[in-house]
């Protein structure tokens, strides 16, 4: 990719997934988006409702995105919305529609 670009990933905080499960869901959503590695990746958290609303909004735009729905083999119920990856946006641009989302913070140790 040319230039400084960001990829946003939104994780469903309602599910209270383990660090490992969260990491896998992030990877699944990004892999389905089929993009080259961005320079900056920002991981946010949102409720299930916010994620559905964001997906609906992104459907009406030209921003590439993927909403990942898990099969529910472990930790969570089947057909749970776990992660949403979207766009590559210019480095100095923060979309207004994610202004209310907070960064995902997890203690790994």
N, C-alpha and C. Protein backbone atom coordinates (compact mmCIF):
# COMPACT_ATOMS: atom_id res chain seq x y z
N UNK A 1 0.83 -1.18 0.00
CA UNK A 1 0.00 0.00 0.00
C UNK A 1 0.88 1.25 0.00
N UNK A 2 0.44 2.22 -0.69
CA UNK A 2 1.17 3.48 -0.76
C UNK A 2 0.58 4.44 0.26
N UNK A 3 1.43 5.16 0.96
CA UNK A 3 0.97 6.15 1.93
C UNK A 3 0.70 5.55 3.29
N UNK A 4 0.39 6.41 4.23
CA UNK A 4 0.07 5.99 5.58
C UNK A 4 -1.42 5.68 5.66
N UNK A 5 -1.73 4.44 5.99
CA UNK A 5 -3.13 4.05 6.02
C UNK A 5 -3.44 3.27 7.28
N UNK A 6 -4.71 3.34 7.70
CA UNK A 6 -5.14 2.66 8.91
C UNK A 6 -6.22 1.62 8.58
N UNK A 7 -6.22 0.58 9.36
CA UNK A 7 -7.26 -0.43 9.33
C UNK A 7 -7.91 -0.41 10.71
N UNK A 8 -9.23 -0.38 10.73
CA UNK A 8 -9.95 -0.43 11.99
C UNK A 8 -10.58 -1.81 12.17
N UNK A 9 -10.52 -2.31 13.39
CA UNK A 9 -11.18 -3.56 13.74
C UNK A 9 -11.99 -3.29 15.00
N UNK A 10 -13.25 -3.65 14.97
CA UNK A 10 -14.13 -3.46 16.11
C UNK A 10 -14.47 -4.84 16.66
N UNK A 11 -14.27 -5.03 17.97
CA UNK A 11 -14.50 -6.31 18.64
C UNK A 11 -15.74 -6.19 19.52
N UNK A 12 -16.53 -7.25 19.57
CA UNK A 12 -17.76 -7.27 20.35
C UNK A 12 -17.45 -7.45 21.84
N UNK A 13 -17.62 -6.37 22.60
CA UNK A 13 -17.30 -6.43 24.03
C UNK A 13 -18.38 -7.14 24.84
N UNK A 14 -19.57 -7.30 24.29
CA UNK A 14 -20.64 -8.00 25.01
C UNK A 14 -20.33 -9.48 25.24
N UNK A 15 -19.49 -10.06 24.38
CA UNK A 15 -19.23 -11.50 24.45
C UNK A 15 -18.20 -11.89 25.50
N UNK A 16 -17.42 -10.93 25.95
CA UNK A 16 -16.39 -11.19 26.97
C UNK A 16 -15.50 -12.37 26.59
N UNK A 17 -14.99 -12.33 25.35
CA UNK A 17 -14.14 -13.40 24.83
C UNK A 17 -12.76 -13.36 25.49
N UNK A 18 -12.11 -14.52 25.59
CA UNK A 18 -10.74 -14.57 26.09
C UNK A 18 -9.82 -13.85 25.11
N UNK A 19 -8.60 -13.59 25.54
CA UNK A 19 -7.62 -12.92 24.69
C UNK A 19 -7.37 -13.74 23.43
N UNK A 20 -7.24 -15.06 23.58
CA UNK A 20 -7.00 -15.93 22.43
C UNK A 20 -8.16 -15.93 21.45
N UNK A 21 -9.37 -16.02 21.96
CA UNK A 21 -10.55 -16.01 21.11
C UNK A 21 -10.68 -14.67 20.39
N UNK A 22 -10.45 -13.58 21.12
CA UNK A 22 -10.51 -12.26 20.52
C UNK A 22 -9.49 -12.13 19.39
N UNK A 23 -8.28 -12.59 19.65
CA UNK A 23 -7.23 -12.52 18.62
C UNK A 23 -7.62 -13.29 17.37
N UNK A 24 -8.19 -14.46 17.55
CA UNK A 24 -8.62 -15.27 16.41
C UNK A 24 -9.72 -14.58 15.63
N UNK A 25 -10.66 -13.97 16.32
CA UNK A 25 -11.77 -13.30 15.64
C UNK A 25 -11.28 -12.08 14.87
N UNK A 26 -10.33 -11.35 15.44
CA UNK A 26 -9.73 -10.22 14.73
C UNK A 26 -9.07 -10.72 13.45
N UNK A 27 -8.30 -11.79 13.57
CA UNK A 27 -7.61 -12.35 12.39
C UNK A 27 -8.61 -12.80 11.34
N UNK A 28 -9.70 -13.46 11.74
CA UNK A 28 -10.72 -13.90 10.78
C UNK A 28 -11.33 -12.71 10.04
N UNK A 29 -11.67 -11.66 10.76
CA UNK A 29 -12.32 -10.52 10.11
C UNK A 29 -11.38 -9.83 9.13
N UNK A 30 -10.11 -9.73 9.49
CA UNK A 30 -9.14 -9.09 8.60
C UNK A 30 -8.86 -9.96 7.38
N UNK A 31 -8.73 -11.28 7.59
CA UNK A 31 -8.45 -12.18 6.46
C UNK A 31 -9.57 -12.14 5.44
N UNK A 32 -10.80 -12.03 5.88
CA UNK A 32 -11.93 -12.00 4.96
C UNK A 32 -12.01 -10.68 4.20
N UNK A 33 -11.38 -9.65 4.75
CA UNK A 33 -11.38 -8.34 4.10
C UNK A 33 -10.45 -8.32 2.89
N UNK A 34 -9.47 -9.21 2.88
CA UNK A 34 -8.55 -9.38 1.75
C UNK A 34 -7.84 -8.09 1.35
N UNK A 35 -7.06 -7.58 2.30
CA UNK A 35 -6.26 -6.39 2.03
C UNK A 35 -4.80 -6.67 2.33
N UNK A 36 -3.94 -5.82 1.82
CA UNK A 36 -2.53 -5.90 2.17
C UNK A 36 -2.33 -5.25 3.53
N UNK A 37 -1.23 -5.58 4.17
CA UNK A 37 -0.96 -5.09 5.52
C UNK A 37 -0.94 -3.57 5.57
N UNK A 38 -1.76 -2.98 6.44
CA UNK A 38 -1.74 -1.53 6.60
C UNK A 38 -0.58 -1.12 7.50
N UNK A 39 -0.33 0.14 7.56
CA UNK A 39 0.74 0.65 8.42
C UNK A 39 0.29 0.72 9.88
N UNK A 40 -0.96 1.06 10.10
CA UNK A 40 -1.49 1.22 11.45
C UNK A 40 -2.78 0.40 11.58
N UNK A 41 -2.90 -0.33 12.69
CA UNK A 41 -4.12 -1.09 12.97
C UNK A 41 -4.66 -0.59 14.30
N UNK A 42 -5.93 -0.24 14.32
CA UNK A 42 -6.58 0.25 15.53
C UNK A 42 -7.70 -0.72 15.88
N UNK A 43 -7.66 -1.26 17.11
CA UNK A 43 -8.68 -2.20 17.55
C UNK A 43 -9.55 -1.50 18.59
N UNK A 44 -10.84 -1.45 18.28
CA UNK A 44 -11.82 -0.81 19.13
C UNK A 44 -12.78 -1.84 19.69
N UNK A 45 -13.60 -1.43 20.63
CA UNK A 45 -14.64 -2.32 21.15
C UNK A 45 -15.99 -1.63 21.07
N UNK A 46 -17.02 -2.45 20.89
CA UNK A 46 -18.38 -1.92 20.78
C UNK A 46 -19.36 -3.00 21.22
N UNK A 47 -20.59 -2.60 21.44
CA UNK A 47 -21.64 -3.56 21.78
C UNK A 47 -22.13 -4.26 20.52
N UNK A 48 -22.88 -5.31 20.70
CA UNK A 48 -23.45 -6.03 19.56
C UNK A 48 -24.31 -5.10 18.72
N UNK A 49 -25.13 -4.31 19.38
CA UNK A 49 -26.01 -3.38 18.66
C UNK A 49 -25.20 -2.36 17.87
N UNK A 50 -24.15 -1.80 18.48
CA UNK A 50 -23.31 -0.84 17.77
C UNK A 50 -22.65 -1.47 16.54
N UNK A 51 -22.24 -2.73 16.68
CA UNK A 51 -21.59 -3.41 15.56
C UNK A 51 -22.56 -3.63 14.41
N UNK A 52 -23.79 -4.03 14.72
CA UNK A 52 -24.80 -4.18 13.67
C UNK A 52 -25.10 -2.84 13.00
N UNK A 53 -25.20 -1.79 13.81
CA UNK A 53 -25.46 -0.45 13.25
C UNK A 53 -24.30 0.00 12.37
N UNK A 54 -23.07 -0.25 12.81
CA UNK A 54 -21.90 0.12 12.02
C UNK A 54 -21.87 -0.65 10.71
N UNK A 55 -22.17 -1.93 10.77
CA UNK A 55 -22.20 -2.75 9.55
C UNK A 55 -23.25 -2.22 8.57
N UNK A 56 -24.42 -1.88 9.07
CA UNK A 56 -25.48 -1.32 8.22
C UNK A 56 -25.01 -0.02 7.59
N UNK A 57 -24.38 0.83 8.38
CA UNK A 57 -23.86 2.09 7.83
C UNK A 57 -22.81 1.82 6.76
N UNK A 58 -21.86 0.95 7.04
CA UNK A 58 -20.79 0.66 6.09
C UNK A 58 -21.32 0.04 4.80
N UNK A 59 -22.42 -0.72 4.90
CA UNK A 59 -23.06 -1.28 3.70
C UNK A 59 -23.51 -0.17 2.75
N UNK A 60 -23.82 1.00 3.30
CA UNK A 60 -24.30 2.11 2.46
C UNK A 60 -23.18 2.99 1.93
N UNK A 61 -21.94 2.62 2.24
CA UNK A 61 -20.79 3.41 1.78
C UNK A 61 -19.93 2.56 0.85
N UNK A 62 -18.86 3.14 0.40
CA UNK A 62 -17.90 2.41 -0.43
C UNK A 62 -16.70 1.93 0.38
N UNK A 63 -16.81 1.98 1.70
CA UNK A 63 -15.73 1.53 2.58
C UNK A 63 -15.76 0.01 2.65
N UNK A 64 -14.65 -0.62 2.28
CA UNK A 64 -14.58 -2.08 2.36
C UNK A 64 -14.63 -2.54 3.81
N UNK A 65 -15.43 -3.57 4.07
CA UNK A 65 -15.58 -4.06 5.44
C UNK A 65 -16.02 -5.52 5.45
N UNK A 66 -15.80 -6.15 6.60
CA UNK A 66 -16.29 -7.52 6.78
C UNK A 66 -16.72 -7.70 8.23
N UNK A 67 -17.96 -8.14 8.41
CA UNK A 67 -18.51 -8.48 9.72
C UNK A 67 -18.36 -9.98 9.89
N UNK A 68 -17.59 -10.39 10.89
CA UNK A 68 -17.35 -11.82 11.10
C UNK A 68 -18.36 -12.38 12.09
N UNK A 69 -18.99 -13.48 11.69
CA UNK A 69 -19.96 -14.18 12.53
C UNK A 69 -19.37 -15.55 12.84
N UNK A 70 -19.21 -15.85 14.13
CA UNK A 70 -18.55 -17.08 14.56
C UNK A 70 -19.52 -18.26 14.59
N UNK A 71 -18.98 -19.44 14.31
CA UNK A 71 -19.78 -20.66 14.33
C UNK A 71 -20.13 -21.11 15.74
N UNK A 72 -19.44 -20.60 16.73
CA UNK A 72 -19.76 -20.92 18.12
C UNK A 72 -19.28 -22.28 18.58
N UNK A 73 -18.14 -22.72 18.07
CA UNK A 73 -17.60 -24.03 18.48
C UNK A 73 -17.11 -23.98 19.91
N UNK A 74 -16.54 -22.85 20.32
CA UNK A 74 -16.09 -22.72 21.71
C UNK A 74 -16.30 -21.29 22.21
N UNK A 75 -16.48 -21.17 23.48
CA UNK A 75 -16.59 -19.90 24.23
C UNK A 75 -17.87 -19.10 24.02
N UNK A 76 -18.40 -19.07 22.83
CA UNK A 76 -19.55 -18.20 22.56
C UNK A 76 -20.66 -18.96 21.85
N UNK A 77 -21.83 -18.37 21.84
CA UNK A 77 -22.98 -18.99 21.18
C UNK A 77 -22.82 -18.96 19.66
N UNK A 78 -23.38 -19.97 18.98
CA UNK A 78 -23.32 -19.97 17.51
C UNK A 78 -23.95 -18.71 16.92
N UNK A 79 -23.40 -18.28 15.80
CA UNK A 79 -23.89 -17.13 15.04
C UNK A 79 -23.73 -15.80 15.79
N UNK A 80 -22.70 -15.72 16.62
CA UNK A 80 -22.40 -14.48 17.34
C UNK A 80 -21.54 -13.56 16.47
N UNK A 81 -21.89 -12.29 16.45
CA UNK A 81 -21.08 -11.29 15.76
C UNK A 81 -19.89 -11.00 16.66
N UNK A 82 -18.68 -11.26 16.16
CA UNK A 82 -17.50 -11.14 17.01
C UNK A 82 -16.59 -9.97 16.64
N UNK A 83 -16.39 -9.72 15.36
CA UNK A 83 -15.46 -8.67 14.95
C UNK A 83 -15.87 -8.09 13.60
N UNK A 84 -15.54 -6.84 13.41
CA UNK A 84 -15.80 -6.16 12.16
C UNK A 84 -14.54 -5.39 11.76
N UNK A 85 -14.01 -5.70 10.61
CA UNK A 85 -12.84 -4.98 10.09
C UNK A 85 -13.31 -4.08 8.97
N UNK A 86 -12.75 -2.88 8.90
CA UNK A 86 -13.16 -2.01 7.80
C UNK A 86 -12.05 -1.09 7.33
N UNK A 87 -12.19 -0.81 6.06
CA UNK A 87 -11.48 0.19 5.34
C UNK A 87 -9.98 0.23 5.49
N UNK A 88 -9.45 1.01 4.72
CA UNK A 88 -8.12 1.55 4.90
C UNK A 88 -8.36 3.02 4.71
N UNK A 89 -8.21 3.77 5.77
CA UNK A 89 -8.47 5.19 5.67
C UNK A 89 -7.17 5.95 5.86
N UNK A 90 -7.12 7.13 5.30
CA UNK A 90 -5.90 7.93 5.39
C UNK A 90 -5.52 8.17 6.84
N UNK A 91 -4.23 8.27 7.08
CA UNK A 91 -3.67 8.34 8.42
C UNK A 91 -4.21 9.50 9.26
N UNK A 92 -4.49 10.63 8.65
CA UNK A 92 -4.92 11.79 9.40
C UNK A 92 -6.44 11.90 9.53
N UNK A 93 -7.15 10.89 9.09
CA UNK A 93 -8.61 10.91 9.08
C UNK A 93 -9.16 9.96 10.13
N UNK A 94 -10.00 10.46 11.03
CA UNK A 94 -10.71 9.62 11.99
C UNK A 94 -12.20 9.72 11.66
N UNK A 95 -12.80 8.62 11.22
CA UNK A 95 -14.22 8.67 10.84
C UNK A 95 -15.11 9.09 12.02
N UNK A 96 -16.05 9.98 11.76
CA UNK A 96 -16.98 10.43 12.80
C UNK A 96 -17.80 9.28 13.37
N UNK A 97 -18.11 8.30 12.54
CA UNK A 97 -19.01 7.23 12.97
C UNK A 97 -18.39 6.28 13.99
N UNK A 98 -17.11 6.42 14.31
CA UNK A 98 -16.51 5.60 15.37
C UNK A 98 -16.05 6.44 16.55
N UNK A 99 -16.42 7.70 16.57
CA UNK A 99 -15.96 8.61 17.61
C UNK A 99 -16.32 8.12 19.02
N UNK A 100 -17.43 7.45 19.19
CA UNK A 100 -17.87 7.00 20.51
C UNK A 100 -17.31 5.65 20.94
N UNK A 101 -16.56 4.99 20.08
CA UNK A 101 -16.01 3.68 20.43
C UNK A 101 -14.71 3.86 21.20
N UNK A 102 -14.44 2.94 22.13
CA UNK A 102 -13.20 3.02 22.89
C UNK A 102 -12.20 1.98 22.40
N UNK A 103 -10.93 2.23 22.68
CA UNK A 103 -9.90 1.27 22.32
C UNK A 103 -10.08 -0.02 23.11
N UNK A 104 -9.78 -1.13 22.48
CA UNK A 104 -9.82 -2.42 23.16
C UNK A 104 -8.56 -2.51 24.01
N UNK A 105 -8.74 -2.71 25.27
CA UNK A 105 -7.60 -2.85 26.19
C UNK A 105 -7.74 -4.16 26.92
N UNK A 106 -6.72 -4.98 26.77
CA UNK A 106 -6.71 -6.28 27.43
C UNK A 106 -5.40 -6.48 28.15
N UNK A 107 -5.48 -7.00 29.33
CA UNK A 107 -4.25 -7.35 30.05
C UNK A 107 -3.87 -8.76 29.64
N UNK A 108 -2.68 -8.89 29.06
CA UNK A 108 -2.25 -10.18 28.56
C UNK A 108 -1.52 -11.02 29.59
N UNK A 109 -1.01 -10.40 30.63
CA UNK A 109 -0.24 -11.15 31.64
C UNK A 109 -0.76 -10.85 33.02
